[in-house]
Amino acid sequence: MKFQGQILKMTSFDAQPIQYYLTLSGDLIHMNELFGKEITIKHTGFQCVNCNENKPIYRMGFCKSCFFESPYASDTIIRPELSTAHLGIAERDLQVEKQIQLQPHTVYLSYTGDVKVGVTRNTQIPTRWIDQGATFALPIARTENRYEAGVIEVALKEHLPDKTNWRKMLQDDFEGEIDLADFQQKIKEYFPADFQKFYSEGEELWKFDYPFEKPEKINSFTLDKKPEFSAKLTGIKGQYLSFEGGNFMNVRGHEGYVIEMEIS
């Protein structure tokens, strides 16, 4: 089988184990069915996720000009505490920013080899946690907009990391249970005084089962350095495809790349 097209991040469905689908310009490929099969990937070009032009990808699937101009790549995507839509102030496009920022958000703890704090729109639960390869996740605050969640995250990340260490996430084979509720109790005192009303206790602990086994070694590669690659697919965790020999490809890190993919 041969496929060709623009890479977007994999779609996932929370199941036992999680089911993954890769989108290549309209083709939806069920990746779980390809475990044990030889996959050849060849990088042939680019297609910016915003302007669709064949321009080198700068970051997050955007070409350089779109990254600095599109409201979908604004600073508030990475730093929600910078949100200003609730004040009626535009950063790049107020209408788009209102759609993204003026909706319920969740502040959460997750375990990805370490316990971290993060923010997500409620509509992205549990997708956000699966994308980062979280083994467990626990909501700890429910806010009305992105700014409120961002302020809480800023206060808490002085005591917990807010980034996923991808290597630890892939190396982790934890089989017990991390007590995220205990972590929540310990950091409750660090909530900003004016934001205590958003604190949420007794939330459901989410657990995720990935079609993945920890390899003996980890070698992450990009299509920039290895434009053609062939190996058997062995598993998936987060947005990482795991190939034989401990080789990993971050699908989300290749959004906007155009490839040819052959399955044999």
C-alpha atoms as a PDB file:
ATOM      1  CA  MET A   1       0.000   0.000   0.000  1.00  0.00           C
ATOM      2  CA  LYS A   2       1.197   3.491  -0.825  1.00  0.00           C
ATOM      3  CA  PHE A   3       0.041   6.835   0.549  1.00  0.00           C
ATOM      4  CA  GLN A   4       1.149  10.388  -0.094  1.00  0.00           C
ATOM      5  CA  GLY A   5       0.319  13.709   1.504  1.00  0.00           C
ATOM      6  CA  GLN A   6       0.710  16.307   4.229  1.00  0.00           C
ATOM      7  CA  ILE A   7       1.321  15.044   7.766  1.00  0.00           C
ATOM      8  CA  LEU A   8      -0.988  16.220  10.546  1.00  0.00           C
ATOM      9  CA  LYS A   9      -0.821  15.017  14.137  1.00  0.00           C
ATOM     10  CA  MET A  10      -2.386  11.641  14.736  1.00  0.00           C
ATOM     11  CA  THR A  11      -5.994  11.419  15.827  1.00  0.00           C
ATOM     12  CA  SER A  12      -6.435   9.228  18.892  1.00  0.00           C
ATOM     13  CA  PHE A  13      -9.309   7.461  20.608  1.00  0.00           C
ATOM     14  CA  ASP A  14      -9.169   6.488  24.273  1.00  0.00           C
ATOM     15  CA  ALA A  15      -9.514   2.701  24.243  1.00  0.00           C
ATOM     16  CA  GLN A  16      -7.709  -0.364  25.616  1.00  0.00           C
ATOM     17  CA  PRO A  17      -5.219   0.231  24.092  1.00  0.00           C
ATOM     18  CA  ILE A  18      -5.439   3.723  22.582  1.00  0.00           C
ATOM     19  CA  GLN A  19      -6.227   3.683  18.870  1.00  0.00           C
ATOM     20  CA  TYR A  20      -4.264   5.943  16.526  1.00  0.00           C
ATOM     21  CA  TYR A  21      -5.053   7.247  13.044  1.00  0.00           C
ATOM     22  CA  LEU A  22      -2.607   9.130  10.822  1.00  0.00           C
ATOM     23  CA  THR A  23      -4.008  11.723   8.402  1.00  0.00           C
ATOM     24  CA  LEU A  24      -2.201  12.159   5.097  1.00  0.00           C
ATOM     25  CA  SER A  25      -4.073  14.744   2.992  1.00  0.00           C
ATOM     26  CA  GLY A  26      -7.449  13.089   3.488  1.00  0.00           C
ATOM     27  CA  ASP A  27      -6.319   9.474   3.867  1.00  0.00           C
ATOM     28  CA  LEU A  28      -7.011   8.171   7.378  1.00  0.00           C
ATOM     29  CA  ILE A  29      -4.640   5.342   8.221  1.00  0.00           C
ATOM     30  CA  HIS A  30      -5.282   3.106  11.249  1.00  0.00           C
ATOM     31  CA  MET A  31      -1.761   2.823  12.629  1.00  0.00           C
ATOM     32  CA  ASN A  32      -2.508   0.089  15.202  1.00  0.00           C
ATOM     33  CA  GLU A  33      -3.134  -2.304  12.308  1.00  0.00           C
ATOM     34  CA  LEU A  34       0.377  -1.684  10.992  1.00  0.00           C
ATOM     35  CA  PHE A  35       2.346  -2.995  13.985  1.00  0.00           C
ATOM     36  CA  GLY A  36       4.966  -5.485  12.790  1.00  0.00           C
ATOM     37  CA  LYS A  37       4.819  -4.221   9.211  1.00  0.00           C
ATOM     38  CA  GLU A  38       7.644  -2.558   7.277  1.00  0.00           C
ATOM     39  CA  ILE A  39       6.981   1.124   6.726  1.00  0.00           C
ATOM     40  CA  THR A  40       9.020   3.297   4.372  1.00  0.00           C
ATOM     41  CA  ILE A  41       8.727   7.072   4.760  1.00  0.00           C
ATOM     42  CA  LYS A  42      10.178   9.475   2.219  1.00  0.00           C
ATOM     43  CA  HIS A  43      10.131  13.252   2.705  1.00  0.00           C
ATOM     44  CA  THR A  44       9.168  14.982  -0.559  1.00  0.00           C
ATOM     45  CA  GLY A  45       8.225  18.562   0.376  1.00  0.00           C
ATOM     46  CA  PHE A  46       6.231  20.843   2.656  1.00  0.00           C
ATOM     47  CA  GLN A  47       2.694  22.178   2.961  1.00  0.00           C
ATOM     48  CA  CYS A  48       2.148  24.869   5.589  1.00  0.00           C
ATOM     49  CA  VAL A  49      -0.919  24.056   7.717  1.00  0.00           C
ATOM     50  CA  ASN A  50      -2.087  27.662   7.367  1.00  0.00           C
ATOM     51  CA  CYS A  51      -1.323  28.942   3.846  1.00  0.00           C
ATOM     52  CA  ASN A  52      -0.851  25.500   2.226  1.00  0.00           C
ATOM     53  CA  GLU A  53       2.216  26.752   0.364  1.00  0.00           C
ATOM     54  CA  ASN A  54       5.253  24.571  -0.237  1.00  0.00           C
ATOM     55  CA  LYS A  55       7.474  26.490   2.162  1.00  0.00           C
ATOM     56  CA  PRO A  56       9.893  25.077   4.768  1.00  0.00           C
ATOM     57  CA  ILE A  57       8.149  24.471   8.069  1.00  0.00           C
ATOM     58  CA  TYR A  58       9.360  26.840  10.762  1.00  0.00           C
ATOM     59  CA  ARG A  59       7.433  25.600  13.800  1.00  0.00           C
ATOM     60  CA  MET A  60       4.149  23.873  14.754  1.00  0.00           C
ATOM     61  CA  GLY A  61       3.394  23.063  11.105  1.00  0.00           C
ATOM     62  CA  PHE A  62       3.555  26.731  10.041  1.00  0.00           C
ATOM     63  CA  CYS A  63       5.939  28.340   7.580  1.00  0.00           C
ATOM     64  CA  LYS A  64       7.909  31.219   9.067  1.00  0.00           C
ATOM     65  CA  SER A  65       5.619  34.025   7.900  1.00  0.00           C
ATOM     66  CA  CYS A  66       2.452  32.254   9.054  1.00  0.00           C
ATOM     67  CA  PHE A  67       4.021  31.398  12.404  1.00  0.00           C
ATOM     68  CA  PHE A  68       4.493  35.091  13.126  1.00  0.00           C
ATOM     69  CA  GLU A  69       1.173  36.203  11.612  1.00  0.00           C
ATOM     70  CA  SER A  70      -1.499  33.552  12.201  1.00  0.00           C
ATOM     71  CA  PRO A  71      -3.668  33.791  15.355  1.00  0.00           C
ATOM     72  CA  TYR A  72      -3.433  29.996  15.555  1.00  0.00           C
ATOM     73  CA  ALA A  73       0.294  30.311  16.291  1.00  0.00           C
ATOM     74  CA  SER A  74       0.187  33.286  18.660  1.00  0.00           C
ATOM     75  CA  ASP A  75       2.122  33.495  21.915  1.00  0.00           C
ATOM     76  CA  THR A  76      -1.017  32.640  23.882  1.00  0.00           C
ATOM     77  CA  ILE A  77      -1.031  29.142  22.388  1.00  0.00           C
ATOM     78  CA  ILE A  78       2.172  28.441  24.321  1.00  0.00           C
ATOM     79  CA  ARG A  79       1.707  30.949  27.157  1.00  0.00           C
ATOM     80  CA  PRO A  80      -1.995  31.166  28.081  1.00  0.00           C
ATOM     81  CA  GLU A  81      -1.304  33.768  30.793  1.00  0.00           C
ATOM     82  CA  LEU A  82      -0.728  36.274  27.970  1.00  0.00           C
ATOM     83  CA  SER A  83      -4.350  35.970  26.791  1.00  0.00           C
ATOM     84  CA  THR A  84      -6.175  39.270  26.389  1.00  0.00           C
ATOM     85  CA  ALA A  85      -9.379  38.294  24.578  1.00  0.00           C
ATOM     86  CA  HIS A  86     -11.298  38.561  27.874  1.00  0.00           C
ATOM     87  CA  LEU A  87     -10.322  42.257  27.865  1.00  0.00           C
ATOM     88  CA  GLY A  88     -11.419  42.702  24.257  1.00  0.00           C
ATOM     89  CA  ILE A  89      -7.808  43.289  23.210  1.00  0.00           C
ATOM     90  CA  ALA A  90      -6.565  41.634  20.037  1.00  0.00           C
ATOM     91  CA  GLU A  91      -3.148  40.087  19.630  1.00  0.00           C
ATOM     92  CA  ARG A  92      -3.517  39.100  15.969  1.00  0.00           C
ATOM     93  CA  ASP A  93      -7.207  38.432  15.276  1.00  0.00           C
ATOM     94  CA  LEU A  94      -9.680  39.101  18.084  1.00  0.00           C
ATOM     95  CA  GLN A  95     -12.492  36.946  16.698  1.00  0.00           C
ATOM     96  CA  VAL A  96     -10.262  33.892  16.407  1.00  0.00           C
ATOM     97  CA  GLU A  97      -8.697  34.602  19.794  1.00  0.00           C
ATOM     98  CA  LYS A  98     -12.126  34.854  21.408  1.00  0.00           C
ATOM     99  CA  GLN A  99     -13.027  31.433  20.004  1.00  0.00           C
ATOM    100  CA  ILE A 100      -9.871  29.892  21.454  1.00  0.00           C
ATOM    101  CA  GLN A 101      -9.536  31.798  24.718  1.00  0.00           C
ATOM    102  CA  LEU A 102     -13.084  32.538  25.853  1.00  0.00           C
ATOM    103  CA  GLN A 103     -14.127  28.988  26.630  1.00  0.00           C
ATOM    104  CA  PRO A 104     -13.755  26.709  29.658  1.00  0.00           C
ATOM    105  CA  HIS A 105     -10.226  25.511  30.385  1.00  0.00           C
ATOM    106  CA  THR A 106      -8.773  22.941  32.768  1.00  0.00           C
ATOM    107  CA  VAL A 107      -5.569  23.111  34.766  1.00  0.00           C
ATOM    108  CA  TYR A 108      -4.278  19.595  35.323  1.00  0.00           C
ATOM    109  CA  LEU A 109      -1.516  17.427  36.712  1.00  0.00           C
ATOM    110  CA  SER A 110      -0.216  14.617  34.532  1.00  0.00           C
ATOM    111  CA  TYR A 111       2.461  11.965  34.806  1.00  0.00           C
ATOM    112  CA  THR A 112       4.761  11.638  31.785  1.00  0.00           C
ATOM    113  CA  GLY A 113       7.810  10.200  33.535  1.00  0.00           C
ATOM    114  CA  ASP A 114       7.561  13.170  35.896  1.00  0.00           C
ATOM    115  CA  VAL A 115       4.555  14.914  37.411  1.00  0.00           C
ATOM    116  CA  LYS A 116       3.878  18.130  35.481  1.00  0.00           C
ATOM    117  CA  VAL A 117       1.270  20.891  35.406  1.00  0.00           C
ATOM    118  CA  GLY A 118      -0.525  21.990  32.261  1.00  0.00           C
ATOM    119  CA  VAL A 119      -3.494  23.775  30.722  1.00  0.00           C
ATOM    120  CA  THR A 120      -5.970  22.591  28.106  1.00  0.00           C
ATOM    121  CA  ARG A 121      -9.311  23.567  26.683  1.00  0.00           C
ATOM    122  CA  ASN A 122     -12.064  21.308  27.980  1.00  0.00           C
ATOM    123  CA  THR A 123     -12.820  20.273  24.411  1.00  0.00           C
ATOM    124  CA  GLN A 124      -9.291  18.801  24.200  1.00  0.00           C
ATOM    125  CA  ILE A 125      -9.836  16.323  27.060  1.00  0.00           C
ATOM    126  CA  PRO A 126      -8.475  13.626  26.924  1.00  0.00           C
ATOM    127  CA  THR A 127      -6.745  14.268  23.571  1.00  0.00           C
ATOM    128  CA  ARG A 128      -4.230  16.669  25.096  1.00  0.00           C
ATOM    129  CA  TRP A 129      -3.088  14.100  27.652  1.00  0.00           C
ATOM    130  CA  ILE A 130      -2.807  11.303  25.099  1.00  0.00           C
ATOM    131  CA  ASP A 131      -0.793  13.536  22.759  1.00  0.00           C
ATOM    132  CA  GLN A 132       1.775  14.202  25.490  1.00  0.00           C
ATOM    133  CA  GLY A 133       2.015  10.511  26.398  1.00  0.00           C
ATOM    134  CA  ALA A 134       0.574  10.888  29.894  1.00  0.00           C
ATOM    135  CA  THR A 135       0.108   7.685  31.888  1.00  0.00           C
ATOM    136  CA  PHE A 136      -2.187   9.447  34.372  1.00  0.00           C
ATOM    137  CA  ALA A 137      -3.936  12.834  34.391  1.00  0.00           C
ATOM    138  CA  LEU A 138      -5.980  14.685  37.008  1.00  0.00           C
ATOM    139  CA  PRO A 139      -7.897  17.963  36.598  1.00  0.00           C
ATOM    140  CA  ILE A 140      -7.189  20.315  39.522  1.00  0.00           C
ATOM    141  CA  ALA A 141      -8.890  23.550  38.440  1.00  0.00           C
ATOM    142  CA  ARG A 142     -11.737  24.531  36.135  1.00  0.00           C
ATOM    143  CA  THR A 143     -11.718  28.050  34.739  1.00  0.00           C
ATOM    144  CA  GLU A 144     -13.957  30.139  32.527  1.00  0.00           C
ATOM    145  CA  ASN A 145     -11.258  31.253  30.086  1.00  0.00           C
ATOM    146  CA  ARG A 146      -7.660  30.668  29.014  1.00  0.00           C
ATOM    147  CA  TYR A 147      -6.185  33.617  30.890  1.00  0.00           C
ATOM    148  CA  GLU A 148      -7.415  32.370  34.280  1.00  0.00           C
ATOM    149  CA  ALA A 149      -5.971  28.920  33.654  1.00  0.00           C
ATOM    150  CA  GLY A 150      -2.686  30.456  32.532  1.00  0.00           C
ATOM    151  CA  VAL A 151      -2.286  32.518  35.696  1.00  0.00           C
ATOM    152  CA  ILE A 152      -2.779  29.406  37.834  1.00  0.00           C
ATOM    153  CA  GLU A 153      -0.286  27.440  35.731  1.00  0.00           C
ATOM    154  CA  VAL A 154       2.339  30.189  36.076  1.00  0.00           C
ATOM    155  CA  ALA A 155       2.031  30.062  39.868  1.00  0.00           C
ATOM    156  CA  LEU A 156       2.233  26.258  40.024  1.00  0.00           C
ATOM    157  CA  LYS A 157       5.104  25.806  37.579  1.00  0.00           C
ATOM    158  CA  GLU A 158       7.383  27.452  40.094  1.00  0.00           C
ATOM    159  CA  HIS A 159       7.027  24.163  41.993  1.00  0.00           C
ATOM    160  CA  LEU A 160       6.398  21.629  39.203  1.00  0.00           C
ATOM    161  CA  PRO A 161       7.648  21.332  35.607  1.00  0.00           C
ATOM    162  CA  ASP A 162       5.269  22.414  32.846  1.00  0.00           C
ATOM    163  CA  LYS A 163       7.053  20.662  29.973  1.00  0.00           C
ATOM    164  CA  THR A 164       7.078  16.994  29.018  1.00  0.00           C
ATOM    165  CA  ASN A 165      10.525  15.412  28.908  1.00  0.00           C
ATOM    166  CA  TRP A 166       9.934  13.234  25.855  1.00  0.00           C
ATOM    167  CA  ARG A 167      12.841  10.928  26.620  1.00  0.00           C
ATOM    168  CA  LYS A 168      11.610  10.225  30.157  1.00  0.00           C
ATOM    169  CA  MET A 169       8.097   9.729  28.806  1.00  0.00           C
ATOM    170  CA  LEU A 170       9.273   7.086  26.335  1.00  0.00           C
ATOM    171  CA  GLN A 171      11.620   5.386  28.800  1.00  0.00           C
ATOM    172  CA  ASP A 172       9.055   5.195  31.571  1.00  0.00           C
ATOM    173  CA  ASP A 173       7.443   1.797  32.228  1.00  0.00           C
ATOM    174  CA  PHE A 174       5.702   2.671  35.489  1.00  0.00           C
ATOM    175  CA  GLU A 175       3.123   0.012  36.352  1.00  0.00           C
ATOM    176  CA  GLY A 176       1.892   1.238  39.735  1.00  0.00           C
ATOM    177  CA  GLU A 177      -0.119   4.362  40.385  1.00  0.00           C
ATOM    178  CA  ILE A 178       1.129   7.888  40.968  1.00  0.00           C
ATOM    179  CA  ASP A 179      -0.930   9.639  43.634  1.00  0.00           C
ATOM    180  CA  LEU A 180      -1.713  12.828  41.733  1.00  0.00           C
ATOM    181  CA  ALA A 181      -4.358  13.728  44.320  1.00  0.00           C
ATOM    182  CA  ASP A 182      -1.590  13.879  46.923  1.00  0.00           C
ATOM    183  CA  PHE A 183       0.416  16.195  44.657  1.00  0.00           C
ATOM    184  CA  GLN A 184      -2.692  18.323  44.267  1.00  0.00           C
ATOM    185  CA  GLN A 185      -3.072  18.701  48.029  1.00  0.00           C
ATOM    186  CA  LYS A 186       0.581  19.672  48.395  1.00  0.00           C
ATOM    187  CA  ILE A 187       0.417  22.445  45.790  1.00  0.00           C
ATOM    188  CA  LYS A 188      -3.004  23.804  46.736  1.00  0.00           C
ATOM    189  CA  GLU A 189      -1.367  26.489  48.866  1.00  0.00           C
ATOM    190  CA  TYR A 190       0.390  27.870  45.775  1.00  0.00           C
ATOM    191  CA  PHE A 191      -2.842  28.764  43.994  1.00  0.00           C
ATOM    192  CA  PRO A 192      -3.091  32.568  43.582  1.00  0.00           C
ATOM    193  CA  ALA A 193      -5.434  33.949  46.255  1.00  0.00           C
ATOM    194  CA  ASP A 194      -7.846  35.466  43.732  1.00  0.00           C
ATOM    195  CA  PHE A 195      -8.038  32.188  41.824  1.00  0.00           C
ATOM    196  CA  GLN A 196      -8.828  29.770  44.670  1.00  0.00           C
ATOM    197  CA  LYS A 197     -12.455  29.689  43.497  1.00  0.00           C
ATOM    198  CA  PHE A 198     -11.369  27.700  40.440  1.00  0.00           C
ATOM    199  CA  TYR A 199      -9.767  24.939  42.521  1.00  0.00           C
ATOM    200  CA  SER A 200     -11.462  21.593  41.886  1.00  0.00           C
ATOM    201  CA  GLU A 201     -11.157  18.604  44.209  1.00  0.00           C
ATOM    202  CA  GLY A 202     -12.282  15.010  43.862  1.00  0.00           C
ATOM    203  CA  GLU A 203     -11.964  14.894  40.063  1.00  0.00           C
ATOM    204  CA  GLU A 204     -11.700  11.631  38.125  1.00  0.00           C
ATOM    205  CA  LEU A 205      -8.186  10.261  37.654  1.00  0.00           C
ATOM    206  CA  TRP A 206      -7.642   9.393  34.003  1.00  0.00           C
ATOM    207  CA  LYS A 207      -5.459   6.402  33.094  1.00  0.00           C
ATOM    208  CA  PHE A 208      -4.161   5.595  29.627  1.00  0.00           C
ATOM    209  CA  ASP A 209      -3.066   2.355  27.975  1.00  0.00           C
ATOM    210  CA  TYR A 210      -0.676   2.834  25.045  1.00  0.00           C
ATOM    211  CA  PRO A 211       0.138   0.220  22.397  1.00  0.00           C
ATOM    212  CA  PHE A 212       3.781   0.480  23.359  1.00  0.00           C
ATOM    213  CA  GLU A 213       6.603  -1.267  25.177  1.00  0.00           C
ATOM    214  CA  LYS A 214       9.683   0.539  26.444  1.00  0.00           C
ATOM    215  CA  PRO A 215      12.662  -0.155  24.144  1.00  0.00           C
ATOM    216  CA  GLU A 216      16.199  -0.807  25.291  1.00  0.00           C
ATOM    217  CA  LYS A 217      17.404   2.370  23.599  1.00  0.00           C
ATOM    218  CA  ILE A 218      15.879   5.533  22.163  1.00  0.00           C
ATOM    219  CA  ASN A 219      17.024   7.250  18.970  1.00  0.00           C
ATOM    220  CA  SER A 220      14.810  10.091  17.830  1.00  0.00           C
ATOM    221  CA  PHE A 221      15.131  11.138  14.197  1.00  0.00           C
ATOM    222  CA  THR A 222      13.699  13.883  11.986  1.00  0.00           C
ATOM    223  CA  LEU A 223      12.987  13.821   8.272  1.00  0.00           C
ATOM    224  CA  ASP A 224      15.272  16.830   7.876  1.00  0.00           C
ATOM    225  CA  LYS A 225      18.256  14.704   8.846  1.00  0.00           C
ATOM    226  CA  LYS A 226      16.897  11.399   7.570  1.00  0.00           C
ATOM    227  CA  PRO A 227      14.628  12.141   4.576  1.00  0.00           C
ATOM    228  CA  GLU A 228      14.085   8.459   3.830  1.00  0.00           C
ATOM    229  CA  PHE A 229      13.564   5.831   6.486  1.00  0.00           C
ATOM    230  CA  SER A 230      12.408   2.212   6.513  1.00  0.00           C
ATOM    231  CA  ALA A 231      11.733  -0.096   9.479  1.00  0.00           C
ATOM    232  CA  LYS A 232       9.039  -2.146  11.188  1.00  0.00           C
ATOM    233  CA  LEU A 233       6.524  -0.227  13.302  1.00  0.00           C
ATOM    234  CA  THR A 234       6.469  -1.624  16.849  1.00  0.00           C
ATOM    235  CA  GLY A 235       4.278   0.761  18.874  1.00  0.00           C
ATOM    236  CA  ILE A 236       3.006   4.276  19.571  1.00  0.00           C
ATOM    237  CA  LYS A 237       3.052   6.513  22.623  1.00  0.00           C
ATOM    238  CA  GLY A 238       2.008  10.137  22.695  1.00  0.00           C
ATOM    239  CA  GLN A 239       2.637  11.342  19.149  1.00  0.00           C
ATOM    240  CA  TYR A 240       5.745   9.168  18.758  1.00  0.00           C
ATOM    241  CA  LEU A 241       5.923   6.286  16.302  1.00  0.00           C
ATOM    242  CA  SER A 242       8.191   3.545  17.653  1.00  0.00           C
ATOM    243  CA  PHE A 243      10.175   1.517  15.130  1.00  0.00           C
ATOM    244  CA  GLU A 244      12.407  -1.518  15.591  1.00  0.00           C
ATOM    245  CA  GLY A 245      15.856  -0.750  16.929  1.00  0.00           C
ATOM    246  CA  GLY A 246      14.571   1.983  19.248  1.00  0.00           C
ATOM    247  CA  ASN A 247      14.026   4.531  16.495  1.00  0.00           C
ATOM    248  CA  PHE A 248      11.327   7.142  17.143  1.00  0.00           C
ATOM    249  CA  MET A 249       9.618   9.736  14.970  1.00  0.00           C
ATOM    250  CA  ASN A 250       7.573  12.554  16.503  1.00  0.00           C
ATOM    251  CA  VAL A 251       4.570  12.893  14.194  1.00  0.00           C
ATOM    252  CA  ARG A 252       3.449  16.208  15.657  1.00  0.00           C
ATOM    253  CA  GLY A 253       6.937  17.594  15.161  1.00  0.00           C
ATOM    254  CA  HIS A 254       6.512  16.869  11.432  1.00  0.00           C
ATOM    255  CA  GLU A 255       3.152  18.557  10.845  1.00  0.00           C
ATOM    256  CA  GLY A 256       3.210  20.243   7.462  1.00  0.00           C
ATOM    257  CA  TYR A 257       5.769  17.846   5.970  1.00  0.00           C
ATOM    258  CA  VAL A 258       4.730  16.084   2.787  1.00  0.00           C
ATOM    259  CA  ILE A 259       5.719  12.444   2.556  1.00  0.00           C
ATOM    260  CA  GLU A 260       5.328   9.274   0.586  1.00  0.00           C
ATOM    261  CA  MET A 261       4.588   6.282   2.819  1.00  0.00           C
ATOM    262  CA  GLU A 262       4.732   2.680   1.671  1.00  0.00           C
ATOM    263  CA  ILE A 263       3.545  -0.253   3.782  1.00  0.00           C
ATOM    264  CA  SER A 264       4.778  -3.756   3.062  1.00  0.00           C
END
